[in-house]
Protein backbone atom coordinates (compact mmCIF):
# COMPACT_ATOMS: atom_id res chain seq x y z
CA MET A 1 -0.06 -0.02 -0.01
CA SER A 2 1.40 3.45 -0.84
CA ALA A 3 2.08 6.09 1.84
CA ALA A 4 -0.78 8.16 0.18
CA ALA A 5 -3.16 5.28 0.75
CA GLU A 6 -2.25 5.17 4.52
CA LYS A 7 -2.68 8.94 4.92
CA GLY A 8 -4.28 11.56 2.88
CA PRO A 9 -2.40 14.59 1.50
CA ASP A 10 -2.96 16.63 4.66
CA GLY A 11 -2.22 13.90 7.07
CA GLU A 12 -5.91 13.06 7.51
CA GLY A 13 -7.08 9.79 9.16
CA GLU A 14 -7.41 6.66 7.16
CA GLU A 15 -11.29 6.60 7.08
CA VAL A 16 -11.49 10.23 5.96
CA SER A 17 -8.78 9.70 3.50
CA ASN A 18 -10.47 6.69 1.94
CA ARG A 19 -13.85 8.52 1.67
CA ARG A 20 -12.25 11.47 -0.09
CA ALA A 21 -10.18 9.20 -2.31
CA GLU A 22 -13.39 7.40 -3.32
CA GLU A 23 -15.07 10.70 -4.07
CA LYS A 24 -11.96 11.95 -6.13
CA PHE A 25 -11.82 8.72 -8.13
CA LEU A 26 -15.36 8.71 -8.99
CA HIS A 27 -15.32 12.37 -10.14
CA ILE A 28 -12.35 11.52 -12.42
CA ILE A 29 -14.01 8.41 -13.83
CA GLY A 30 -17.33 10.30 -14.39
CA HIS A 31 -16.03 13.48 -15.94
CA VAL A 32 -12.50 12.99 -17.39
CA PRO A 33 -12.12 11.63 -21.04
CA THR A 34 -11.36 7.94 -20.94
CA GLY A 35 -7.87 8.37 -22.43
CA GLU A 36 -6.85 10.87 -19.69
CA VAL A 37 -8.26 8.92 -16.70
CA GLU A 38 -5.11 7.14 -15.57
CA ALA A 39 -3.01 10.39 -15.72
CA ALA A 40 -5.73 12.34 -13.75
CA LEU A 41 -5.79 9.44 -11.23
CA SER A 42 -2.02 9.51 -10.77
CA GLY A 43 -2.05 13.20 -10.19
CA CYS A 44 -4.93 13.50 -7.77
CA GLY A 45 -3.08 13.13 -4.59
CA TYR A 46 -4.60 9.96 -3.41
CA GLY A 47 -3.55 6.40 -3.82
CA PRO A 48 -5.95 3.39 -4.05
CA THR A 49 -6.65 0.68 -1.40
CA ALA A 50 -8.42 -2.62 -2.17
CA GLU A 51 -11.37 -1.49 -0.08
CA VAL A 52 -11.76 1.87 -1.96
CA ALA A 53 -11.33 0.03 -5.30
CA GLU A 54 -14.31 -2.19 -4.48
CA LEU A 55 -16.51 0.81 -3.45
CA VAL A 56 -15.56 2.56 -6.68
CA LEU A 57 -16.16 -0.32 -8.90
CA LYS A 58 -19.57 -1.12 -7.54
CA SER A 59 -20.74 2.42 -8.14
CA ARG A 60 -23.18 3.59 -10.79
CA VAL A 61 -20.50 5.75 -12.32
CA CYS A 62 -18.37 2.69 -13.32
CA TYR A 63 -21.39 0.87 -14.72
CA SER A 64 -22.20 3.97 -16.74
CA ARG A 65 -18.49 4.48 -18.00
CA PRO A 66 -17.14 0.94 -18.32
CA LYS A 67 -14.15 1.92 -20.36
CA SER A 68 -13.07 4.46 -17.77
CA ALA A 69 -13.73 1.89 -15.01
CA VAL A 70 -11.25 -0.47 -16.81
CA ARG A 71 -8.67 2.25 -16.76
CA PHE A 72 -9.23 2.77 -13.05
CA PHE A 73 -8.93 -0.89 -12.45
CA ARG A 74 -5.65 -1.11 -14.26
CA TRP A 75 -4.31 2.04 -12.49
CA ALA A 76 -5.22 0.65 -9.07
CA ALA A 77 -3.66 -2.78 -9.80
CA ARG A 78 -0.19 -1.12 -9.99
CA SER A 79 -0.47 -0.38 -6.22
CA VAL A 80 -2.69 -2.98 -4.75
CA ALA A 81 -3.80 -6.55 -5.30
CA HIS A 82 -7.45 -6.51 -6.28
CA THR A 83 -9.85 -8.68 -4.29
CA PRO A 84 -11.91 -11.61 -5.93
CA TYR A 85 -14.88 -9.20 -5.45
CA ALA A 86 -13.21 -6.42 -7.31
CA TRP A 87 -12.36 -8.67 -10.17
CA ASN A 88 -16.01 -9.87 -10.31
CA LEU A 89 -17.14 -6.45 -10.33
CA LEU A 90 -15.08 -5.65 -13.36
CA VAL A 91 -16.42 -8.72 -15.16
CA ASP A 92 -19.92 -7.56 -14.24
CA ILE A 93 -19.28 -3.98 -15.57
CA LEU A 94 -18.03 -5.40 -18.85
CA GLY A 95 -20.82 -7.90 -19.26
CA LYS A 96 -23.52 -5.38 -18.53
CA ALA A 97 -21.99 -3.19 -21.10
CA ALA A 98 -22.00 -6.11 -23.59
CA MET A 99 -18.27 -5.69 -23.87
CA PHE A 100 -17.94 -9.51 -24.03
CA GLU A 101 -14.49 -9.91 -25.45
CA PRO A 102 -12.90 -7.70 -22.80
CA MET A 103 -15.05 -9.53 -20.24
CA TRP A 104 -13.47 -12.81 -21.17
CA ASP A 105 -10.01 -11.28 -21.21
CA ALA A 106 -10.73 -10.22 -17.66
CA ILE A 107 -11.76 -13.76 -16.74
CA ARG A 108 -8.60 -15.28 -18.33
CA SER A 109 -6.56 -12.65 -16.36
CA MET A 110 -8.30 -13.73 -13.17
CA ASN A 111 -7.41 -17.33 -13.89
CA GLN A 112 -3.76 -16.44 -14.26
CA GLU A 113 -3.68 -14.31 -11.08
CA GLY A 114 -2.76 -16.13 -7.92
CA GLY A 115 -2.69 -19.62 -9.33
CA GLY A 116 -6.21 -19.40 -10.80
CA GLY A 117 -8.17 -19.23 -7.65
CA LEU A 118 -10.00 -16.02 -8.31
CA VAL A 119 -12.65 -17.32 -10.74
CA SER A 120 -15.66 -18.63 -8.97
CA VAL A 121 -19.18 -19.62 -9.64
CA ALA A 122 -20.18 -15.94 -8.82
CA THR A 123 -18.03 -14.89 -11.73
CA PHE A 124 -19.89 -17.02 -14.09
CA ALA A 125 -23.28 -16.09 -12.62
CA SER A 126 -22.54 -12.57 -13.67
CA VAL A 127 -21.52 -13.87 -17.16
CA PHE A 128 -24.80 -15.77 -17.51
CA THR A 129 -26.90 -12.75 -16.36
CA SER A 130 -25.14 -10.35 -18.81
CA TYR A 131 -25.63 -12.65 -21.85
CA CYS A 132 -29.30 -13.48 -20.82
CA ALA A 133 -30.20 -9.95 -20.36
CA ARG A 134 -29.54 -9.43 -24.07
CA GLY A 135 -31.37 -12.63 -25.01
CA ASN A 136 -28.03 -14.50 -25.86
CA PHE A 137 -29.16 -17.74 -24.28
CA LYS A 138 -26.75 -19.92 -26.42
CA GLU A 139 -23.69 -17.83 -25.33
CA ALA A 140 -24.77 -18.18 -21.66
CA ALA A 141 -25.11 -21.94 -22.05
CA ALA A 142 -21.67 -22.07 -23.95
CA ALA A 143 -20.15 -20.19 -20.95
CA PHE A 144 -21.52 -22.96 -18.62
CA ASP A 145 -19.86 -25.64 -20.70
CA VAL A 146 -16.42 -24.07 -20.53
CA MET A 147 -16.28 -23.57 -16.77
CA GLY A 148 -14.17 -26.52 -16.38
CA ARG A 149 -11.34 -24.77 -18.12
CA TYR A 150 -11.26 -22.41 -15.22
CA GLY A 151 -11.00 -25.00 -12.54
CA LEU A 152 -14.69 -24.97 -11.87
CA LYS A 153 -17.01 -27.99 -11.82
CA PRO A 154 -20.24 -27.34 -13.58
CA ASP A 155 -22.41 -28.58 -10.71
CA ALA A 156 -26.08 -27.94 -9.62
CA VAL A 157 -25.17 -24.60 -8.16
CA ALA A 158 -23.73 -23.29 -11.39
CA LEU A 159 -26.63 -24.90 -13.33
CA ASN A 160 -29.02 -23.11 -11.17
CA SER A 161 -27.34 -19.74 -11.69
CA LEU A 162 -27.73 -20.30 -15.43
CA LEU A 163 -31.31 -21.38 -15.34
CA SER A 164 -32.19 -18.55 -13.01
CA ALA A 165 -30.56 -16.09 -15.39
CA ILE A 166 -32.40 -17.39 -18.43
CA CYS A 167 -35.75 -17.45 -16.61
CA ARG A 168 -35.54 -13.94 -15.57
CA VAL A 169 -35.92 -12.96 -19.17
CA GLU A 170 -39.59 -13.03 -20.35
CA GLY A 171 -40.23 -16.07 -22.47
CA GLY A 172 -37.05 -17.78 -21.22
CA ALA A 173 -38.67 -20.82 -19.75
CA GLU A 174 -38.48 -22.95 -22.90
CA ALA A 175 -34.76 -22.06 -23.34
CA ALA A 176 -34.14 -23.10 -19.72
CA ARG A 177 -35.95 -26.36 -20.13
CA GLU A 178 -33.72 -27.14 -23.32
CA VAL A 179 -30.55 -26.40 -21.17
CA PHE A 180 -31.95 -28.54 -18.35
CA GLU A 181 -32.70 -31.46 -20.74
CA ARG A 182 -29.17 -31.22 -22.26
CA THR A 183 -27.27 -31.04 -19.04
CA LYS A 184 -29.34 -33.21 -16.51
CA ALA A 185 -27.39 -36.41 -17.31
CA ALA A 186 -24.08 -34.86 -16.59
CA VAL A 187 -25.17 -32.41 -13.80
CA PRO A 188 -27.65 -33.94 -11.40
CA PRO A 189 -30.35 -31.28 -10.68
CA ASP A 190 -31.34 -30.54 -7.18
CA ALA A 191 -34.49 -29.17 -5.46
CA ASP A 192 -33.59 -25.66 -6.35
CA THR A 193 -33.25 -26.43 -10.05
CA PHE A 194 -36.88 -27.66 -10.17
CA ALA A 195 -38.05 -24.71 -8.16
CA ILE A 196 -36.56 -22.35 -10.63
CA LEU A 197 -38.10 -24.27 -13.60
CA LEU A 198 -41.55 -24.37 -11.77
CA GLU A 199 -41.47 -20.74 -11.06
CA ALA A 200 -40.71 -20.04 -14.79
CA TRP A 201 -43.70 -22.14 -15.98
CA GLU A 202 -45.85 -20.36 -13.35
CA LYS A 203 -44.96 -17.00 -14.87
CA GLU A 204 -45.85 -18.35 -18.33
CA GLY A 205 -49.05 -20.19 -17.18
CA ASN A 206 -47.89 -23.40 -18.73
CA ALA A 207 -49.54 -26.12 -16.61
CA GLU A 208 -48.54 -29.02 -18.70
CA ARG A 209 -44.90 -28.26 -18.57
CA ALA A 210 -45.25 -27.56 -14.80
CA LYS A 211 -46.84 -31.12 -14.39
CA SER A 212 -43.95 -32.66 -16.24
CA ALA A 213 -41.29 -30.81 -14.21
CA PHE A 214 -43.09 -31.49 -10.90
CA GLY A 215 -43.24 -35.31 -11.79
CA GLU A 216 -39.61 -35.41 -12.56
CA MET A 217 -38.68 -33.47 -9.40
CA VAL A 218 -40.52 -36.10 -7.29
CA VAL A 219 -38.73 -38.93 -8.95
CA ARG A 220 -35.23 -37.29 -8.91
CA VAL A 221 -35.02 -35.44 -5.50
CA GLY A 222 -38.17 -36.78 -3.76
CA TRP A 223 -40.31 -35.03 -1.26
CA ASP A 224 -38.78 -32.25 0.90
CA PRO A 225 -40.78 -30.12 3.27
CA ALA A 226 -38.20 -27.34 2.74
CA ASN A 227 -38.84 -27.25 -1.01
CA VAL A 228 -41.83 -24.78 -0.41
CA PRO A 229 -41.13 -22.54 -3.53
CA ALA A 230 -41.45 -25.60 -5.90
CA TYR A 231 -44.67 -26.64 -4.41
CA ASP A 232 -46.02 -23.13 -4.24
CA SER A 233 -45.25 -22.44 -7.84
CA PHE A 234 -46.67 -25.67 -9.17
CA LEU A 235 -50.03 -25.36 -7.29
CA SER A 236 -50.30 -21.64 -8.23
CA THR A 237 -49.70 -22.72 -11.89
CA LEU A 238 -52.63 -25.14 -11.73
CA VAL A 239 -54.96 -22.59 -9.98
CA GLY A 240 -53.96 -19.84 -12.58
CA SER A 241 -54.69 -22.26 -15.35
CA GLY A 242 -58.27 -22.96 -14.05
CA GLN A 243 -57.39 -26.43 -12.80
CA PHE A 244 -58.23 -25.79 -9.22
CA ASP A 245 -59.71 -29.32 -8.54
CA GLU A 246 -56.49 -30.75 -9.70
CA ALA A 247 -54.44 -28.42 -7.49
CA LEU A 248 -56.58 -29.50 -4.50
CA LYS A 249 -55.73 -33.20 -5.35
CA PHE A 250 -51.98 -32.38 -5.49
CA LEU A 251 -52.23 -30.52 -2.27
CA GLN A 252 -53.71 -33.49 -0.48
CA VAL A 253 -50.91 -35.70 -1.82
CA MET A 254 -48.40 -33.06 -0.55
CA ARG A 255 -49.99 -33.01 2.83
CA SER A 256 -49.69 -36.78 2.98
CA LYS A 257 -45.83 -36.33 2.41
CA GLY A 258 -45.46 -33.60 5.11
CA CYS A 259 -45.01 -30.97 2.37
CA LEU A 260 -46.96 -27.77 1.90
CA PRO A 261 -46.84 -24.72 -0.45
CA GLY A 262 -46.23 -21.09 0.50
CA ILE A 263 -48.44 -17.91 0.97
CA ASN A 264 -48.65 -17.37 -2.86
CA PHE A 265 -50.79 -20.43 -3.48
CA PHE A 266 -52.97 -19.86 -0.52
CA HIS A 267 -53.58 -16.27 -1.48
CA ASN A 268 -54.61 -17.25 -5.07
CA ALA A 269 -56.80 -20.14 -3.85
CA VAL A 270 -58.62 -18.16 -1.19
CA ASP A 271 -59.23 -15.24 -3.69
CA LEU A 272 -60.50 -17.73 -6.27
CA LEU A 273 -62.79 -19.60 -3.96
CA ALA A 274 -64.05 -16.37 -2.30
CA ARG A 275 -65.04 -15.13 -5.71
CA LYS A 276 -66.65 -18.47 -6.65
CA GLY A 277 -68.58 -18.44 -3.29
CA ASP A 278 -67.15 -21.82 -2.46
CA TYR A 279 -67.19 -21.58 1.42
CA ALA A 280 -66.52 -25.18 2.26
CA ASN A 281 -63.24 -25.42 0.21
CA ALA A 282 -62.16 -21.92 1.15
CA LEU A 283 -62.56 -22.77 4.82
CA ALA A 284 -60.54 -26.08 4.35
CA ILE A 285 -57.79 -24.29 2.53
CA TRP A 286 -57.61 -21.54 5.17
CA GLN A 287 -57.39 -24.08 8.08
CA ILE A 288 -54.51 -25.81 6.21
CA MET A 289 -52.83 -22.56 5.79
CA VAL A 290 -53.08 -21.38 9.21
CA SER A 291 -52.93 -24.57 11.30
CA GLU A 292 -50.64 -26.71 9.16
CA ALA A 293 -48.45 -24.45 7.10
CA GLY A 294 -48.28 -21.80 9.94
CA LEU A 295 -48.68 -19.02 7.52
CA VAL A 296 -50.15 -15.51 8.42
CA PRO A 297 -52.89 -14.35 6.05
CA ASN A 298 -52.50 -10.79 4.72
CA PHE A 299 -55.05 -7.97 4.52
CA SER A 300 -56.70 -8.90 1.33
CA MET A 301 -56.98 -12.62 2.23
CA TYR A 302 -58.66 -11.69 5.52
CA ASN A 303 -61.17 -9.30 3.61
CA GLY A 304 -61.90 -11.82 1.05
CA MET A 305 -62.58 -14.69 3.52
CA ILE A 306 -64.57 -12.41 5.77
CA ALA A 307 -66.71 -11.30 2.83
CA LEU A 308 -67.41 -14.98 1.85
CA CYS A 309 -68.34 -15.75 5.48
CA CYS A 310 -70.70 -12.88 5.60
CA ASN A 311 -72.19 -13.85 2.17
CA VAL A 312 -73.12 -17.34 3.36
CA GLY A 313 -74.24 -16.33 6.89
CA SER A 314 -71.14 -17.52 8.86
CA LEU A 315 -71.05 -14.31 10.77
CA ASP A 316 -69.66 -15.53 13.99
CA TYR A 317 -66.58 -16.94 12.09
CA ALA A 318 -66.28 -13.53 10.38
CA LEU A 319 -66.31 -11.85 13.68
CA GLY A 320 -63.65 -14.20 14.97
CA MET A 321 -61.47 -13.41 12.11
CA LEU A 322 -61.90 -9.62 12.78
CA ASP A 323 -60.78 -10.09 16.35
CA GLU A 324 -57.77 -12.29 15.13
CA MET A 325 -56.51 -9.77 12.52
CA PRO A 326 -54.68 -7.31 14.92
CA LEU A 327 -53.00 -10.41 16.65
CA ASN A 328 -51.34 -11.18 13.29
CA GLY A 329 -50.38 -7.52 12.67
CA VAL A 330 -53.19 -7.03 10.24
CA PHE A 331 -55.52 -4.23 10.80
CA ALA A 332 -59.18 -3.89 9.53
CA ASN A 333 -60.36 -0.88 7.74
CA SER A 334 -63.77 0.50 6.85
CA VAL A 335 -64.12 -2.04 3.99
CA THR A 336 -63.73 -4.89 6.39
CA TYR A 337 -66.26 -3.39 8.96
CA ASN A 338 -68.81 -2.65 6.17
CA VAL A 339 -68.47 -6.21 4.82
CA ILE A 340 -69.56 -7.47 8.16
CA LEU A 341 -72.19 -4.95 8.74
CA GLU A 342 -73.73 -5.71 5.28
CA GLY A 343 -73.65 -9.46 6.25
CA PHE A 344 -75.74 -8.65 9.37
CA ILE A 345 -78.17 -6.56 7.34
CA LYS A 346 -78.38 -9.08 4.53
CA HIS A 347 -79.20 -12.01 6.94
CA ARG A 348 -81.72 -9.86 8.87
CA LYS A 349 -79.74 -9.87 12.13
CA ALA A 350 -80.92 -6.58 13.45
CA ARG A 351 -79.73 -6.82 17.04
CA GLU A 352 -76.29 -7.83 15.93
CA ALA A 353 -76.18 -5.08 13.33
CA GLU A 354 -77.08 -2.53 15.99
CA SER A 355 -74.45 -3.82 18.37
CA PHE A 356 -71.84 -3.86 15.47
CA LEU A 357 -72.61 -0.33 14.45
CA LYS A 358 -71.84 0.85 18.02
CA GLU A 359 -68.47 -1.06 17.70
CA MET A 360 -67.77 0.59 14.37
CA SER A 361 -68.32 4.01 16.07
CA LYS A 362 -66.07 3.12 18.93
CA ASN A 363 -63.34 2.11 16.38
CA GLU A 364 -63.89 5.29 14.29
CA GLN A 365 -65.20 3.29 11.28
CA LEU A 366 -67.90 4.79 9.39
CA PRO A 367 -70.71 2.77 7.56
CA THR A 368 -71.12 3.45 3.87
CA ALA A 369 -74.08 5.37 2.48
CA SER A 370 -75.60 2.11 1.17
CA ASN A 371 -75.27 0.28 4.42
CA CYS A 372 -76.79 3.17 6.26
CA ALA A 373 -79.89 3.09 4.09
CA ALA A 374 -80.10 -0.68 4.26
CA ALA A 375 -79.71 -0.58 8.15
CA ILE A 376 -82.51 1.96 8.51
CA SER A 377 -84.81 -0.10 6.38
CA LEU A 378 -83.93 -3.16 8.45
CA PHE A 379 -84.39 -1.53 11.75
CA PHE A 380 -87.85 -0.27 10.89
CA LYS A 381 -88.84 -3.72 9.60
CA GLU A 382 -87.63 -5.14 12.89
CA PHE A 383 -89.68 -2.57 14.90
CA ASN A 384 -86.59 -0.66 16.13
CA PRO A 385 -87.16 3.01 14.99
CA SER A 386 -84.80 4.37 17.64
CA ALA A 387 -81.98 2.32 15.98
CA ALA A 388 -82.96 3.61 12.64
CA ILE A 389 -82.89 7.19 13.92
CA ASN A 390 -79.39 6.62 15.42
CA VAL A 391 -78.08 5.63 11.96
CA TRP A 392 -79.50 8.83 10.51
CA ARG A 393 -77.85 10.73 13.30
CA CYS A 394 -74.61 9.17 12.26
CA VAL A 395 -75.24 10.12 8.53
CA VAL A 396 -75.79 13.80 9.62
CA GLU A 397 -72.85 13.99 12.05
CA HIS A 398 -70.34 12.58 9.74
CA ASP A 399 -71.89 13.87 6.46
CA ILE A 400 -72.16 10.44 4.84
CA THR A 401 -73.04 10.97 1.31
CA PRO A 402 -75.00 10.46 -0.81
CA ALA A 403 -77.71 10.61 1.80
CA GLU A 404 -80.73 10.44 -0.47
CA ASP A 405 -81.44 6.62 0.16
CA SER A 406 -81.06 6.93 3.85
CA ALA A 407 -83.41 9.95 3.85
CA ARG A 408 -86.04 7.97 1.86
CA GLU A 409 -85.93 5.00 4.16
CA LEU A 410 -85.88 7.08 7.32
CA ILE A 411 -89.06 9.11 6.18
CA ALA A 412 -90.74 6.03 4.99
CA GLY A 413 -90.18 4.22 8.28
CA LEU A 414 -91.32 7.16 10.47
CA LEU A 415 -94.40 7.61 8.48
CA ASP A 416 -95.25 3.87 8.90
CA PHE A 417 -94.88 4.28 12.56
CA GLY A 418 -96.94 7.54 12.58
CA ARG A 419 -94.15 9.59 14.19
CA LEU A 420 -94.99 12.78 12.27
CA THR A 421 -93.30 15.21 14.58
CA GLU A 422 -89.90 13.38 13.92
CA VAL A 423 -90.74 13.43 10.09
CA LYS A 424 -91.11 17.21 10.31
CA LYS A 425 -87.82 17.51 12.17
CA CYS A 426 -85.88 15.28 9.94
CA ALA A 427 -87.37 16.74 6.82
CA ASP A 428 -86.03 20.23 7.93
CA GLU A 429 -82.79 18.70 8.63
CA MET A 430 -82.72 17.08 5.18
CA ILE A 431 -83.57 20.31 3.47
CA ASP A 432 -80.84 22.17 5.45
CA MET A 433 -78.45 19.39 4.24
CA ARG A 434 -79.61 19.85 0.61
CA VAL A 435 -80.66 16.22 0.48
CA GLU A 436 -82.78 15.67 -2.63
CA LEU A 437 -86.20 14.29 -1.59
CA SER A 438 -87.97 12.19 -4.31
CA GLN A 439 -91.43 13.28 -5.38
CA SER A 440 -92.87 9.99 -4.13
CA THR A 441 -91.38 10.69 -0.65
CA ILE A 442 -92.91 14.10 -0.76
CA ASP A 443 -96.24 12.86 -1.80
CA ASN A 444 -96.25 10.23 1.10
CA MET A 445 -95.49 12.99 3.57
CA LYS A 446 -98.30 15.10 2.36
CA ARG A 447 -100.77 12.34 2.48
CA ALA A 448 -99.78 11.29 5.99
CA PHE A 449 -99.86 14.95 7.34
CA ILE A 450 -103.25 15.63 5.77
CA LYS A 451 -104.69 12.39 7.05
CA ALA A 452 -103.61 13.28 10.52
CA ASP A 453 -105.05 16.86 10.11
CA LYS A 454 -101.67 18.54 10.40
CA HIS A 455 -101.84 20.73 7.39
CA GLN A 456 -99.58 23.43 8.85
CA SER A 457 -96.74 21.04 9.46
CA TYR A 458 -96.81 19.86 5.87
CA ASP A 459 -97.30 23.47 4.60
CA HIS A 460 -94.13 24.39 6.46
CA ILE A 461 -92.18 21.59 4.72
CA ALA A 462 -93.64 22.47 1.29
CA ARG A 463 -92.68 26.13 1.57
CA ARG A 464 -89.11 25.13 2.48
CA LEU A 465 -88.91 22.76 -0.40
CA LYS A 466 -90.10 25.41 -2.78
CA ARG A 467 -87.40 27.81 -1.45
CA ARG A 468 -84.60 25.41 -2.15
């Protein structure tokens, strides 16, 4: 290490010196013409260290100016021995820039440095990624084939790096399968190999290819509870392809082997079953997910399942899920609460709906305008006008709009109960709120007031309606 590397030009500490050196080097690489980079570096007053070289090489500046990055690498190599990570960064910079000939020159230099121990699977993983990013699958596969020349055994780890790089490219699944078929006799695949292929078939929605890969996986590597990504991708592919019944059959086989998928499958399955209204299967899947797989449902899963429970009338189960949500770090919102309230209304659970509205108020969750109107109607039908009026008070207090339906239901209910004094009061309130009263509602009020010989009360309402 040079004296300038140990201390900066002004005798500053090593940490400060390194930081300033890094900033200086990056400025030169980013702004000085490529042909003048080495001279500028030599005259900047700072020498390199292996640590600073790594920091510089992994910067965006070097990736955006690869030729200048190479000049920096060569200049630094005169003073320090580059680490394997720095060499790999150089290979990655060149590969990302599609400078493939210089990239291979760098790899050959790595192989010659220090007895050839610098080249690693990580080096080739970068090569695979660079080729595949440009759709050069054949070149990536050819790189895999020559790993032995650099002292590396093309094993399952290397194969998985290649397959993963291919599969990251849209439409790469078939190319990955071809590589797999060509190499599997010489390079025994492992569980990760199949997980990569199954994820690729999931992205492409190819259930037949997924079934073939899954069957071969079971034969070659057997059942492994830790291989969750493979099981998850396979079942998700079946669900996404509309083969839900088959997915359920495979799930039962997996369970018998002590293996289960991950949250992705359960999310897709619950969502599908909730939309289909298949409560029995949704509940079974939910129990497997929570009790056997030990997975925590997310917000959308809870909302979907709660909606399904409410739709079929399993309201106690829905309330249990609502209470369970915060224990799993998931917090209900107004959508969740309104789904449950709608369930109570739909199934004419008036007392439960009244109680739940109080809980909603306590938790600062407002009912929707449609639920307000439906609740008012239900409470009048169940002979509970005071609860209906309380809902209207909520509409007024929180300005829940549109309020027209709630107003119509409230006036209709009050008229049925002959509570004309409250009709007049509420009508005044509605007029003040600029709620549009339908002609049928106005006509019903007129008939009721005239029949009760309360012409003055109706005339008051009529005058106010005309002045609006």
